Amino acid sequence: MPATLPRKRRRATLDRVRDSYTREQTLPRKRIEIKPADAVEFPQRFALHLRKLMERRGLNSKDVADLLAKAGVDIGPRGIDVWLRADGGPKFRDLERIGLALGFKDYRDVLPPPVGPRSRTL
């Protein structure tokens, strides 16, 4: 016979979950290193470009998500983290709002620089 009985689990309510994930308690995950020489695909290049931009301005994922939400882009901090891990990129229809929300005069400045000279002809 066990010495102690198992404790009854408390029901996970929205308030309890929200309280357990406050900004002060959570630590950001270490980002995967992306080397500029290996960044050929758009999500990788966009991740590097966004990381540099965030670092220069002292922003974190939540700050960027808040700025974009105010501009009408439907994305949260986890979506920004997906971009920063190069697991995806922004929707092209949202690029103009993203650029304006981040303070660019021309929304195309939010895009990473091109890889190099084009090797194929149209």
PDB file of N, CA and C in Angstrom:
ATOM      1  N   MET A   1       0.833  -1.174   0.000  1.00  0.00           N
ATOM      2  CA  MET A   1       0.000   0.000   0.000  1.00  0.00           C
ATOM      3  C   MET A   1       0.884   1.245   0.000  1.00  0.00           C
ATOM      4  N   PRO A   2       0.611   2.210  -0.893  1.00  0.00           N
ATOM      5  CA  PRO A   2       1.465   3.398  -0.958  1.00  0.00           C
ATOM      6  C   PRO A   2       1.348   4.242   0.299  1.00  0.00           C
ATOM      7  N   ALA A   3       2.446   4.905   0.607  1.00  0.00           N
ATOM      8  CA  ALA A   3       2.483   5.727   1.810  1.00  0.00           C
ATOM      9  C   ALA A   3       1.613   6.977   1.664  1.00  0.00           C
ATOM     10  N   THR A   4       1.569   7.559   0.467  1.00  0.00           N
ATOM     11  CA  THR A   4       0.741   8.744   0.242  1.00  0.00           C
ATOM     12  C   THR A   4      -0.151   8.514  -0.964  1.00  0.00           C
ATOM     13  N   LEU A   5      -1.296   9.083  -0.906  1.00  0.00           N
ATOM     14  CA  LEU A   5      -2.204   8.987  -2.029  1.00  0.00           C
ATOM     15  C   LEU A   5      -1.861  10.067  -3.046  1.00  0.00           C
ATOM     16  N   PRO A   6      -2.082   9.777  -4.340  1.00  0.00           N
ATOM     17  CA  PRO A   6      -1.786  10.805  -5.342  1.00  0.00           C
ATOM     18  C   PRO A   6      -2.710  12.008  -5.158  1.00  0.00           C
ATOM     19  N   ARG A   7      -2.159  13.189  -5.419  1.00  0.00           N
ATOM     20  CA  ARG A   7      -2.938  14.418  -5.275  1.00  0.00           C
ATOM     21  C   ARG A   7      -3.888  14.563  -6.456  1.00  0.00           C
ATOM     22  N   LYS A   8      -5.027  15.095  -6.180  1.00  0.00           N
ATOM     23  CA  LYS A   8      -5.999  15.332  -7.233  1.00  0.00           C
ATOM     24  C   LYS A   8      -5.533  16.520  -8.067  1.00  0.00           C
ATOM     25  N   ARG A   9      -5.587  16.378  -9.381  1.00  0.00           N
ATOM     26  CA  ARG A   9      -5.148  17.461 -10.269  1.00  0.00           C
ATOM     27  C   ARG A   9      -6.185  18.572 -10.271  1.00  0.00           C
ATOM     28  N   ARG A  10      -5.673  19.774 -10.291  1.00  0.00           N
ATOM     29  CA  ARG A  10      -6.554  20.929 -10.385  1.00  0.00           C
ATOM     30  C   ARG A  10      -6.899  21.164 -11.847  1.00  0.00           C
ATOM     31  N   ARG A  11      -8.104  21.602 -12.064  1.00  0.00           N
ATOM     32  CA  ARG A  11      -8.560  21.869 -13.419  1.00  0.00           C
ATOM     33  C   ARG A  11      -7.815  23.081 -13.976  1.00  0.00           C
ATOM     34  N   ALA A  12      -7.356  22.977 -15.202  1.00  0.00           N
ATOM     35  CA  ALA A  12      -6.613  24.069 -15.840  1.00  0.00           C
ATOM     36  C   ALA A  12      -7.601  25.072 -16.429  1.00  0.00           C
ATOM     37  N   THR A  13      -7.804  26.150 -15.716  1.00  0.00           N
ATOM     38  CA  THR A  13      -8.670  27.211 -16.217  1.00  0.00           C
ATOM     39  C   THR A  13      -7.816  28.242 -16.937  1.00  0.00           C
ATOM     40  N   LEU A  14      -8.473  29.073 -17.709  1.00  0.00           N
ATOM     41  CA  LEU A  14      -7.755  30.090 -18.473  1.00  0.00           C
ATOM     42  C   LEU A  14      -6.968  31.025 -17.554  1.00  0.00           C
ATOM     43  N   ASP A  15      -7.550  31.388 -16.412  1.00  0.00           N
ATOM     44  CA  ASP A  15      -6.851  32.279 -15.483  1.00  0.00           C
ATOM     45  C   ASP A  15      -5.603  31.628 -14.907  1.00  0.00           C
ATOM     46  N   ARG A  16      -5.680  30.344 -14.565  1.00  0.00           N
ATOM     47  CA  ARG A  16      -4.503  29.653 -14.020  1.00  0.00           C
ATOM     48  C   ARG A  16      -3.409  29.525 -15.071  1.00  0.00           C
ATOM     49  N   VAL A  17      -3.800  29.224 -16.290  1.00  0.00           N
ATOM     50  CA  VAL A  17      -2.808  29.102 -17.366  1.00  0.00           C
ATOM     51  C   VAL A  17      -2.170  30.452 -17.628  1.00  0.00           C
ATOM     52  N   ARG A  18      -2.973  31.503 -17.702  1.00  0.00           N
ATOM     53  CA  ARG A  18      -2.454  32.845 -17.951  1.00  0.00           C
ATOM     54  C   ARG A  18      -1.502  33.275 -16.838  1.00  0.00           C
ATOM     55  N   ASP A  19      -1.862  32.968 -15.594  1.00  0.00           N
ATOM     56  CA  ASP A  19      -1.003  33.340 -14.471  1.00  0.00           C
ATOM     57  C   ASP A  19       0.318  32.597 -14.491  1.00  0.00           C
ATOM     58  N   SER A  20       0.314  31.368 -14.998  1.00  0.00           N
ATOM     59  CA  SER A  20       1.548  30.591 -14.993  1.00  0.00           C
ATOM     60  C   SER A  20       2.509  31.005 -16.105  1.00  0.00           C
ATOM     61  N   TYR A  21       2.025  31.753 -17.084  1.00  0.00           N
ATOM     62  CA  TYR A  21       2.870  32.176 -18.196  1.00  0.00           C
ATOM     63  C   TYR A  21       3.005  33.694 -18.243  1.00  0.00           C
ATOM     64  N   THR A  22       3.428  34.290 -17.180  1.00  0.00           N
ATOM     65  CA  THR A  22       3.637  35.735 -17.208  1.00  0.00           C
ATOM     66  C   THR A  22       4.946  36.032 -17.916  1.00  0.00           C
ATOM     67  N   ARG A  23       5.085  37.247 -18.342  1.00  0.00           N
ATOM     68  CA  ARG A  23       6.272  37.643 -19.102  1.00  0.00           C
ATOM     69  C   ARG A  23       7.555  37.496 -18.285  1.00  0.00           C
ATOM     70  N   GLU A  24       7.464  37.725 -16.971  1.00  0.00           N
ATOM     71  CA  GLU A  24       8.661  37.661 -16.127  1.00  0.00           C
ATOM     72  C   GLU A  24       9.120  36.223 -15.902  1.00  0.00           C
ATOM     73  N   GLN A  25       8.188  35.260 -15.922  1.00  0.00           N
ATOM     74  CA  GLN A  25       8.549  33.884 -15.613  1.00  0.00           C
ATOM     75  C   GLN A  25       9.118  33.132 -16.808  1.00  0.00           C
ATOM     76  N   THR A  26       8.702  33.483 -17.998  1.00  0.00           N
ATOM     77  CA  THR A  26       9.132  32.722 -19.161  1.00  0.00           C
ATOM     78  C   THR A  26      10.471  33.233 -19.681  1.00  0.00           C
ATOM     79  N   LEU A  27      11.285  32.321 -20.078  1.00  0.00           N
ATOM     80  CA  LEU A  27      12.570  32.666 -20.661  1.00  0.00           C
ATOM     81  C   LEU A  27      12.505  32.394 -22.155  1.00  0.00           C
ATOM     82  N   PRO A  28      13.055  33.284 -22.963  1.00  0.00           N
ATOM     83  CA  PRO A  28      13.007  33.035 -24.405  1.00  0.00           C
ATOM     84  C   PRO A  28      13.879  31.841 -24.783  1.00  0.00           C
ATOM     85  N   ARG A  29      13.395  31.111 -25.761  1.00  0.00           N
ATOM     86  CA  ARG A  29      14.166  29.985 -26.270  1.00  0.00           C
ATOM     87  C   ARG A  29      15.364  30.501 -27.045  1.00  0.00           C
ATOM     88  N   LYS A  30      16.459  29.775 -26.965  1.00  0.00           N
ATOM     89  CA  LYS A  30      17.639  30.166 -27.719  1.00  0.00           C
ATOM     90  C   LYS A  30      17.355  29.975 -29.201  1.00  0.00           C
ATOM     91  N   ARG A  31      17.653  30.989 -29.976  1.00  0.00           N
ATOM     92  CA  ARG A  31      17.375  30.920 -31.406  1.00  0.00           C
ATOM     93  C   ARG A  31      18.413  30.069 -32.115  1.00  0.00           C
ATOM     94  N   ILE A  32      17.951  29.404 -33.139  1.00  0.00           N
ATOM     95  CA  ILE A  32      18.833  28.585 -33.971  1.00  0.00           C
ATOM     96  C   ILE A  32      19.747  29.521 -34.756  1.00  0.00           C
ATOM     97  N   GLU A  33      21.011  29.178 -34.801  1.00  0.00           N
ATOM     98  CA  GLU A  33      21.956  30.007 -35.541  1.00  0.00           C
ATOM     99  C   GLU A  33      21.784  29.765 -37.040  1.00  0.00           C
ATOM    100  N   ILE A  34      21.623  30.854 -37.753  1.00  0.00           N
ATOM    101  CA  ILE A  34      21.545  30.788 -39.214  1.00  0.00           C
ATOM    102  C   ILE A  34      22.736  31.560 -39.750  1.00  0.00           C
ATOM    103  N   LYS A  35      23.586  30.893 -40.479  1.00  0.00           N
ATOM    104  CA  LYS A  35      24.757  31.556 -41.036  1.00  0.00           C
ATOM    105  C   LYS A  35      24.363  32.282 -42.316  1.00  0.00           C
ATOM    106  N   PRO A  36      24.814  33.527 -42.472  1.00  0.00           N
ATOM    107  CA  PRO A  36      24.454  34.276 -43.682  1.00  0.00           C
ATOM    108  C   PRO A  36      24.847  33.571 -44.974  1.00  0.00           C
ATOM    109  N   ALA A  37      25.937  32.841 -44.952  1.00  0.00           N
ATOM    110  CA  ALA A  37      26.372  32.145 -46.164  1.00  0.00           C
ATOM    111  C   ALA A  37      25.403  31.022 -46.541  1.00  0.00           C
ATOM    112  N   ASP A  38      24.717  30.452 -45.548  1.00  0.00           N
ATOM    113  CA  ASP A  38      23.784  29.365 -45.804  1.00  0.00           C
ATOM    114  C   ASP A  38      22.360  29.849 -46.076  1.00  0.00           C
ATOM    115  N   ALA A  39      22.110  31.128 -45.875  1.00  0.00           N
ATOM    116  CA  ALA A  39      20.761  31.675 -46.018  1.00  0.00           C
ATOM    117  C   ALA A  39      20.467  31.965 -47.482  1.00  0.00           C
ATOM    118  N   VAL A  40      19.935  30.981 -48.161  1.00  0.00           N
ATOM    119  CA  VAL A  40      19.625  31.113 -49.582  1.00  0.00           C
ATOM    120  C   VAL A  40      18.122  31.271 -49.782  1.00  0.00           C
ATOM    121  N   GLU A  41      17.339  30.532 -49.026  1.00  0.00           N
ATOM    122  CA  GLU A  41      15.891  30.571 -49.155  1.00  0.00           C
ATOM    123  C   GLU A  41      15.332  31.824 -48.473  1.00  0.00           C
ATOM    124  N   PHE A  42      14.158  32.254 -48.935  1.00  0.00           N
ATOM    125  CA  PHE A  42      13.553  33.479 -48.408  1.00  0.00           C
ATOM    126  C   PHE A  42      13.317  33.445 -46.895  1.00  0.00           C
ATOM    127  N   PRO A  43      12.748  32.370 -46.309  1.00  0.00           N
ATOM    128  CA  PRO A  43      12.524  32.389 -44.852  1.00  0.00           C
ATOM    129  C   PRO A  43      13.808  32.571 -44.046  1.00  0.00           C
ATOM    130  N   GLN A  44      14.902  31.988 -44.501  1.00  0.00           N
ATOM    131  CA  GLN A  44      16.174  32.135 -43.787  1.00  0.00           C
ATOM    132  C   GLN A  44      16.689  33.566 -43.886  1.00  0.00           C
ATOM    133  N   ARG A  45      16.625  34.134 -45.075  1.00  0.00           N
ATOM    134  CA  ARG A  45      17.103  35.508 -45.256  1.00  0.00           C
ATOM    135  C   ARG A  45      16.213  36.493 -44.510  1.00  0.00           C
ATOM    136  N   PHE A  46      14.897  36.249 -44.512  1.00  0.00           N
ATOM    137  CA  PHE A  46      13.982  37.119 -43.783  1.00  0.00           C
ATOM    138  C   PHE A  46      14.236  37.027 -42.284  1.00  0.00           C
ATOM    139  N   ALA A  47      14.514  35.815 -41.779  1.00  0.00           N
ATOM    140  CA  ALA A  47      14.806  35.630 -40.351  1.00  0.00           C
ATOM    141  C   ALA A  47      16.041  36.430 -39.945  1.00  0.00           C
ATOM    142  N   LEU A  48      17.100  36.351 -40.728  1.00  0.00           N
ATOM    143  CA  LEU A  48      18.318  37.116 -40.422  1.00  0.00           C
ATOM    144  C   LEU A  48      18.053  38.618 -40.452  1.00  0.00           C
ATOM    145  N   HIS A  49      17.315  39.057 -41.457  1.00  0.00           N
ATOM    146  CA  HIS A  49      17.011  40.482 -41.608  1.00  0.00           C
ATOM    147  C   HIS A  49      16.164  40.977 -40.433  1.00  0.00           C
ATOM    148  N   LEU A  50      15.146  40.211 -40.042  1.00  0.00           N
ATOM    149  CA  LEU A  50      14.281  40.604 -38.932  1.00  0.00           C
ATOM    150  C   LEU A  50      15.033  40.572 -37.609  1.00  0.00           C
ATOM    151  N   ARG A  51      15.916  39.601 -37.430  1.00  0.00           N
ATOM    152  CA  ARG A  51      16.727  39.543 -36.199  1.00  0.00           C
ATOM    153  C   ARG A  51      17.593  40.794 -36.063  1.00  0.00           C
ATOM    154  N   LYS A  52      18.247  41.200 -37.158  1.00  0.00           N
ATOM    155  CA  LYS A  52      19.084  42.402 -37.118  1.00  0.00           C
ATOM    156  C   LYS A  52      18.251  43.633 -36.799  1.00  0.00           C
ATOM    157  N   LEU A  53      17.096  43.724 -37.425  1.00  0.00           N
ATOM    158  CA  LEU A  53      16.209  44.855 -37.197  1.00  0.00           C
ATOM    159  C   LEU A  53      15.759  44.914 -35.735  1.00  0.00           C
ATOM    160  N   MET A  54      15.359  43.782 -35.194  1.00  0.00           N
ATOM    161  CA  MET A  54      14.902  43.730 -33.803  1.00  0.00           C
ATOM    162  C   MET A  54      16.041  44.049 -32.838  1.00  0.00           C
ATOM    163  N   GLU A  55      17.228  43.561 -33.145  1.00  0.00           N
ATOM    164  CA  GLU A  55      18.387  43.805 -32.283  1.00  0.00           C
ATOM    165  C   GLU A  55      18.743  45.291 -32.261  1.00  0.00           C
ATOM    166  N   ARG A  56      18.724  45.921 -33.441  1.00  0.00           N
ATOM    167  CA  ARG A  56      19.043  47.354 -33.524  1.00  0.00           C
ATOM    168  C   ARG A  56      18.056  48.207 -32.748  1.00  0.00           C
ATOM    169  N   ARG A  57      16.798  47.822 -32.782  1.00  0.00           N
ATOM    170  CA  ARG A  57      15.757  48.619 -32.131  1.00  0.00           C
ATOM    171  C   ARG A  57      15.444  48.161 -30.714  1.00  0.00           C
ATOM    172  N   GLY A  58      16.058  47.075 -30.268  1.00  0.00           N
ATOM    173  CA  GLY A  58      15.830  46.583 -28.915  1.00  0.00           C
ATOM    174  C   GLY A  58      14.442  45.998 -28.716  1.00  0.00           C
ATOM    175  N   LEU A  59      13.912  45.338 -29.738  1.00  0.00           N
ATOM    176  CA  LEU A  59      12.573  44.763 -29.666  1.00  0.00           C
ATOM    177  C   LEU A  59      12.646  43.264 -29.426  1.00  0.00           C
ATOM    178  N   ASN A  60      11.606  42.722 -28.802  1.00  0.00           N
ATOM    179  CA  ASN A  60      11.481  41.275 -28.697  1.00  0.00           C
ATOM    180  C   ASN A  60      10.264  40.826 -29.499  1.00  0.00           C
ATOM    181  N   SER A  61       9.985  39.544 -29.497  1.00  0.00           N
ATOM    182  CA  SER A  61       8.890  39.009 -30.315  1.00  0.00           C
ATOM    183  C   SER A  61       7.548  39.615 -29.935  1.00  0.00           C
ATOM    184  N   LYS A  62       7.322  39.800 -28.646  1.00  0.00           N
ATOM    185  CA  LYS A  62       6.046  40.356 -28.183  1.00  0.00           C
ATOM    186  C   LYS A  62       5.891  41.787 -28.659  1.00  0.00           C
ATOM    187  N   ASP A  63       6.959  42.577 -28.595  1.00  0.00           N
ATOM    188  CA  ASP A  63       6.898  43.974 -29.052  1.00  0.00           C
ATOM    189  C   ASP A  63       6.557  44.046 -30.541  1.00  0.00           C
ATOM    190  N   VAL A  64       7.198  43.206 -31.343  1.00  0.00           N
ATOM    191  CA  VAL A  64       6.938  43.198 -32.781  1.00  0.00           C
ATOM    192  C   VAL A  64       5.508  42.746 -33.054  1.00  0.00           C
ATOM    193  N   ALA A  65       5.052  41.714 -32.340  1.00  0.00           N
ATOM    194  CA  ALA A  65       3.683  41.228 -32.526  1.00  0.00           C
ATOM    195  C   ALA A  65       2.668  42.318 -32.168  1.00  0.00           C
ATOM    196  N   ASP A  66       2.941  43.081 -31.108  1.00  0.00           N
ATOM    197  CA  ASP A  66       2.040  44.179 -30.725  1.00  0.00           C
ATOM    198  C   ASP A  66       1.999  45.262 -31.792  1.00  0.00           C
ATOM    199  N   LEU A  67       3.171  45.618 -32.325  1.00  0.00           N
ATOM    200  CA  LEU A  67       3.217  46.628 -33.391  1.00  0.00           C
ATOM    201  C   LEU A  67       2.436  46.169 -34.622  1.00  0.00           C
ATOM    202  N   LEU A  68       2.616  44.910 -34.982  1.00  0.00           N
ATOM    203  CA  LEU A  68       1.941  44.393 -36.163  1.00  0.00           C
ATOM    204  C   LEU A  68       0.440  44.240 -35.936  1.00  0.00           C
ATOM    205  N   ALA A  69       0.053  43.883 -34.720  1.00  0.00           N
ATOM    206  CA  ALA A  69      -1.378  43.760 -34.417  1.00  0.00           C
ATOM    207  C   ALA A  69      -2.071  45.120 -34.536  1.00  0.00           C
ATOM    208  N   LYS A  70      -1.397  46.173 -34.088  1.00  0.00           N
ATOM    209  CA  LYS A  70      -1.959  47.518 -34.214  1.00  0.00           C
ATOM    210  C   LYS A  70      -2.109  47.928 -35.677  1.00  0.00           C
ATOM    211  N   ALA A  71      -1.254  47.385 -36.532  1.00  0.00           N
ATOM    212  CA  ALA A  71      -1.300  47.703 -37.961  1.00  0.00           C
ATOM    213  C   ALA A  71      -2.286  46.818 -38.720  1.00  0.00           C
ATOM    214  N   GLY A  72      -2.882  45.839 -38.024  1.00  0.00           N
ATOM    215  CA  GLY A  72      -3.877  44.992 -38.669  1.00  0.00           C
ATOM    216  C   GLY A  72      -3.362  43.667 -39.182  1.00  0.00           C
ATOM    217  N   VAL A  73      -2.153  43.285 -38.800  1.00  0.00           N
ATOM    218  CA  VAL A  73      -1.603  41.982 -39.205  1.00  0.00           C
ATOM    219  C   VAL A  73      -1.954  40.979 -38.111  1.00  0.00           C
ATOM    220  N   ASP A  74      -2.581  39.886 -38.496  1.00  0.00           N
ATOM    221  CA  ASP A  74      -3.038  38.882 -37.543  1.00  0.00           C
ATOM    222  C   ASP A  74      -1.902  37.906 -37.229  1.00  0.00           C
ATOM    223  N   ILE A  75      -1.101  38.248 -36.213  1.00  0.00           N
ATOM    224  CA  ILE A  75       0.017  37.391 -35.808  1.00  0.00           C
ATOM    225  C   ILE A  75       0.329  37.666 -34.344  1.00  0.00           C
ATOM    226  N   GLY A  76       0.801  36.644 -33.654  1.00  0.00           N
ATOM    227  CA  GLY A  76       1.173  36.767 -32.255  1.00  0.00           C
ATOM    228  C   GLY A  76       2.662  36.543 -32.073  1.00  0.00           C
ATOM    229  N   PRO A  77       3.128  36.572 -30.822  1.00  0.00           N
ATOM    230  CA  PRO A  77       4.557  36.365 -30.560  1.00  0.00           C
ATOM    231  C   PRO A  77       5.082  35.022 -31.056  1.00  0.00           C
ATOM    232  N   ARG A  78       4.265  33.993 -31.001  1.00  0.00           N
ATOM    233  CA  ARG A  78       4.717  32.681 -31.485  1.00  0.00           C
ATOM    234  C   ARG A  78       4.871  32.683 -33.007  1.00  0.00           C
ATOM    235  N   GLY A  79       4.027  33.436 -33.680  1.00  0.00           N
ATOM    236  CA  GLY A  79       4.170  33.572 -35.128  1.00  0.00           C
ATOM    237  C   GLY A  79       5.455  34.288 -35.500  1.00  0.00           C
ATOM    238  N   ILE A  80       5.811  35.299 -34.707  1.00  0.00           N
ATOM    239  CA  ILE A  80       7.077  36.011 -34.922  1.00  0.00           C
ATOM    240  C   ILE A  80       8.238  35.054 -34.687  1.00  0.00           C
ATOM    241  N   ASP A  81       8.124  34.203 -33.670  1.00  0.00           N
ATOM    242  CA  ASP A  81       9.176  33.220 -33.405  1.00  0.00           C
ATOM    243  C   ASP A  81       9.331  32.235 -34.561  1.00  0.00           C
ATOM    244  N   VAL A  82       8.229  31.894 -35.212  1.00  0.00           N
ATOM    245  CA  VAL A  82       8.303  31.026 -36.389  1.00  0.00           C
ATOM    246  C   VAL A  82       9.110  31.712 -37.477  1.00  0.00           C
ATOM    247  N   TRP A  83       8.868  33.004 -37.678  1.00  0.00           N
ATOM    248  CA  TRP A  83       9.639  33.764 -38.671  1.00  0.00           C
ATOM    249  C   TRP A  83      11.113  33.786 -38.291  1.00  0.00           C
ATOM    250  N   LEU A  84      11.412  33.996 -36.998  1.00  0.00           N
ATOM    251  CA  LEU A  84      12.798  34.115 -36.547  1.00  0.00           C
ATOM    252  C   LEU A  84      13.554  32.786 -36.615  1.00  0.00           C
ATOM    253  N   ARG A  85      12.834  31.674 -36.563  1.00  0.00           N
ATOM    254  CA  ARG A  85      13.458  30.348 -36.704  1.00  0.00           C
ATOM    255  C   ARG A  85      13.569  29.934 -38.161  1.00  0.00           C
ATOM    256  N   ALA A  86      13.038  30.739 -39.059  1.00  0.00           N
ATOM    257  CA  ALA A  86      13.034  30.465 -40.501  1.00  0.00           C
ATOM    258  C   ALA A  86      12.173  29.262 -40.844  1.00  0.00           C
ATOM    259  N   ASP A  87      11.153  29.006 -40.019  1.00  0.00           N
ATOM    260  CA  ASP A  87      10.202  27.941 -40.326  1.00  0.00           C
ATOM    261  C   ASP A  87       9.083  28.443 -41.225  1.00  0.00           C
ATOM    262  N   GLY A  88       9.057  29.724 -41.483  1.00  0.00           N
ATOM    263  CA  GLY A  88       8.045  30.332 -42.335  1.00  0.00           C
ATOM    264  C   GLY A  88       8.353  31.800 -42.508  1.00  0.00           C
ATOM    265  N   GLY A  89       7.558  32.446 -43.280  1.00  0.00           N
ATOM    266  CA  GLY A  89       7.746  33.872 -43.512  1.00  0.00           C
ATOM    267  C   GLY A  89       6.402  34.577 -43.535  1.00  0.00           C
ATOM    268  N   PRO A  90       6.407  35.879 -43.635  1.00  0.00           N
ATOM    269  CA  PRO A  90       5.148  36.611 -43.649  1.00  0.00           C
ATOM    270  C   PRO A  90       4.393  36.381 -44.953  1.00  0.00           C
ATOM    271  N   LYS A  91       3.107  36.617 -44.897  1.00  0.00           N
ATOM    272  CA  LYS A  91       2.299  36.544 -46.116  1.00  0.00           C
ATOM    273  C   LYS A  91       2.590  37.796 -46.935  1.00  0.00           C
ATOM    274  N   PHE A  92       2.674  37.635 -48.224  1.00  0.00           N
ATOM    275  CA  PHE A  92       3.025  38.767 -49.075  1.00  0.00           C
ATOM    276  C   PHE A  92       1.973  39.864 -49.028  1.00  0.00           C
ATOM    277  N   ARG A  93       0.738  39.486 -48.772  1.00  0.00           N
ATOM    278  CA  ARG A  93      -0.304  40.516 -48.691  1.00  0.00           C
ATOM    279  C   ARG A  93      -0.136  41.402 -47.454  1.00  0.00           C
ATOM    280  N   ASP A  94       0.624  40.936 -46.454  1.00  0.00           N
ATOM    281  CA  ASP A  94       0.834  41.704 -45.221  1.00  0.00           C
ATOM    282  C   ASP A  94       2.117  42.526 -45.225  1.00  0.00           C
ATOM    283  N   LEU A  95       2.938  42.395 -46.257  1.00  0.00           N
ATOM    284  CA  LEU A  95       4.247  43.057 -46.257  1.00  0.00           C
ATOM    285  C   LEU A  95       4.142  44.580 -46.130  1.00  0.00           C
ATOM    286  N   GLU A  96       3.179  45.181 -46.791  1.00  0.00           N
ATOM    287  CA  GLU A  96       3.056  46.638 -46.720  1.00  0.00           C
ATOM    288  C   GLU A  96       2.732  47.077 -45.299  1.00  0.00           C
ATOM    289  N   ARG A  97       1.804  46.386 -44.650  1.00  0.00           N
ATOM    290  CA  ARG A  97       1.455  46.739 -43.261  1.00  0.00           C
ATOM    291  C   ARG A  97       2.622  46.487 -42.311  1.00  0.00           C
ATOM    292  N   ILE A  98       3.372  45.410 -42.552  1.00  0.00           N
ATOM    293  CA  ILE A  98       4.525  45.093 -41.703  1.00  0.00           C
ATOM    294  C   ILE A  98       5.574  46.189 -41.820  1.00  0.00           C
ATOM    295  N   GLY A  99       5.882  46.590 -43.052  1.00  0.00           N
ATOM    296  CA  GLY A  99       6.877  47.645 -43.262  1.00  0.00           C
ATOM    297  C   GLY A  99       6.478  48.956 -42.624  1.00  0.00           C
ATOM    298  N   LEU A 100       5.224  49.334 -42.773  1.00  0.00           N
ATOM    299  CA  LEU A 100       4.761  50.594 -42.179  1.00  0.00           C
ATOM    300  C   LEU A 100       4.734  50.511 -40.653  1.00  0.00           C
ATOM    301  N   ALA A 101       4.334  49.359 -40.112  1.00  0.00           N
ATOM    302  CA  ALA A 101       4.296  49.196 -38.657  1.00  0.00           C
ATOM    303  C   ALA A 101       5.689  49.255 -38.043  1.00  0.00           C
ATOM    304  N   LEU A 102       6.693  48.799 -38.785  1.00  0.00           N
ATOM    305  CA  LEU A 102       8.066  48.811 -38.270  1.00  0.00           C
ATOM    306  C   LEU A 102       8.779  50.125 -38.559  1.00  0.00           C
ATOM    307  N   GLY A 103       8.067  51.064 -39.173  1.00  0.00           N
ATOM    308  CA  GLY A 103       8.623  52.407 -39.344  1.00  0.00           C
ATOM    309  C   GLY A 103       9.360  52.662 -40.638  1.00  0.00           C
ATOM    310  N   PHE A 104       9.196  51.819 -41.626  1.00  0.00           N
ATOM    311  CA  PHE A 104       9.849  52.032 -42.907  1.00  0.00           C
ATOM    312  C   PHE A 104       8.981  52.921 -43.786  1.00  0.00           C
ATOM    313  N   LYS A 105       9.607  53.811 -44.536  1.00  0.00           N
ATOM    314  CA  LYS A 105       8.860  54.641 -45.474  1.00  0.00           C
ATOM    315  C   LYS A 105       8.407  53.822 -46.666  1.00  0.00           C
ATOM    316  N   ASP A 106       9.269  52.919 -47.103  1.00  0.00           N
ATOM    317  CA  ASP A 106       8.937  52.031 -48.209  1.00  0.00           C
ATOM    318  C   ASP A 106       8.861  50.609 -47.643  1.00  0.00           C
ATOM    319  N   TYR A 107       7.733  49.955 -47.826  1.00  0.00           N
ATOM    320  CA  TYR A 107       7.543  48.637 -47.236  1.00  0.00           C
ATOM    321  C   TYR A 107       8.548  47.617 -47.762  1.00  0.00           C
ATOM    322  N   ARG A 108       9.141  47.853 -48.912  1.00  0.00           N
ATOM    323  CA  ARG A 108      10.096  46.892 -49.472  1.00  0.00           C
ATOM    324  C   ARG A 108      11.386  46.821 -48.650  1.00  0.00           C
ATOM    325  N   ASP A 109      11.591  47.815 -47.763  1.00  0.00           N
ATOM    326  CA  ASP A 109      12.780  47.775 -46.903  1.00  0.00           C
ATOM    327  C   ASP A 109      12.697  46.671 -45.855  1.00  0.00           C
ATOM    328  N   VAL A 110      11.512  46.138 -45.620  1.00  0.00           N
ATOM    329  CA  VAL A 110      11.378  45.041 -44.663  1.00  0.00           C
ATOM    330  C   VAL A 110      11.864  43.724 -45.270  1.00  0.00           C
ATOM    331  N   LEU A 111      11.978  43.685 -46.589  1.00  0.00           N
ATOM    332  CA  LEU A 111      12.460  42.484 -47.259  1.00  0.00           C
ATOM    333  C   LEU A 111      13.982  42.377 -47.166  1.00  0.00           C
ATOM    334  N   PRO A 112      14.497  41.162 -47.081  1.00  0.00           N
ATOM    335  CA  PRO A 112      15.956  41.001 -47.048  1.00  0.00           C
ATOM    336  C   PRO A 112      16.562  41.336 -48.401  1.00  0.00           C
ATOM    337  N   PRO A 113      17.853  41.671 -48.423  1.00  0.00           N
ATOM    338  CA  PRO A 113      18.502  41.949 -49.712  1.00  0.00           C
ATOM    339  C   PRO A 113      18.539  40.696 -50.575  1.00  0.00           C
ATOM    340  N   PRO A 114      18.600  40.876 -51.874  1.00  0.00           N
ATOM    341  CA  PRO A 114      18.646  39.705 -52.762  1.00  0.00           C
ATOM    342  C   PRO A 114      19.912  38.889 -52.560  1.00  0.00           C
ATOM    343  N   VAL A 115      19.842  37.621 -52.982  1.00  0.00           N
ATOM    344  CA  VAL A 115      20.963  36.692 -52.791  1.00  0.00           C
ATOM    345  C   VAL A 115      22.153  37.083 -53.630  1.00  0.00           C
ATOM    346  N   GLY A 116      21.953  37.393 -54.872  1.00  0.00           N
ATOM    347  CA  GLY A 116      23.055  37.720 -55.762  1.00  0.00           C
ATOM    348  C   GLY A 116      22.535  37.852 -57.179  1.00  0.00           C
ATOM    349  N   PRO A 117      23.427  37.840 -58.135  1.00  0.00           N
ATOM    350  CA  PRO A 117      22.975  37.973 -59.508  1.00  0.00           C
ATOM    351  C   PRO A 117      22.121  36.771 -59.907  1.00  0.00           C
ATOM    352  N   ARG A 118      21.133  37.058 -60.727  1.00  0.00           N
ATOM    353  CA  ARG A 118      20.252  35.979 -61.187  1.00  0.00           C
ATOM    354  C   ARG A 118      21.002  35.113 -62.176  1.00  0.00           C
ATOM    355  N   SER A 119      20.822  33.813 -62.016  1.00  0.00           N
ATOM    356  CA  SER A 119      21.546  32.892 -62.879  1.00  0.00           C
ATOM    357  C   SER A 119      20.663  32.381 -64.013  1.00  0.00           C
ATOM    358  N   ARG A 120      19.354  32.578 -63.904  1.00  0.00           N
ATOM    359  CA  ARG A 120      18.488  32.083 -64.969  1.00  0.00           C
ATOM    360  C   ARG A 120      17.823  33.248 -65.685  1.00  0.00           C
ATOM    361  N   THR A 121      17.468  33.014 -66.892  1.00  0.00           N
ATOM    362  CA  THR A 121      16.814  34.049 -67.690  1.00  0.00           C
ATOM    363  C   THR A 121      15.342  33.729 -67.832  1.00  0.00           C
ATOM    364  N   LEU A 122      14.558  34.752 -68.015  1.00  0.00           N
ATOM    365  CA  LEU A 122      13.108  34.543 -68.162  1.00  0.00           C
ATOM    366  C   LEU A 122      12.725  34.360 -69.583  1.00  0.00           C
TER     367      LEU A 122
END
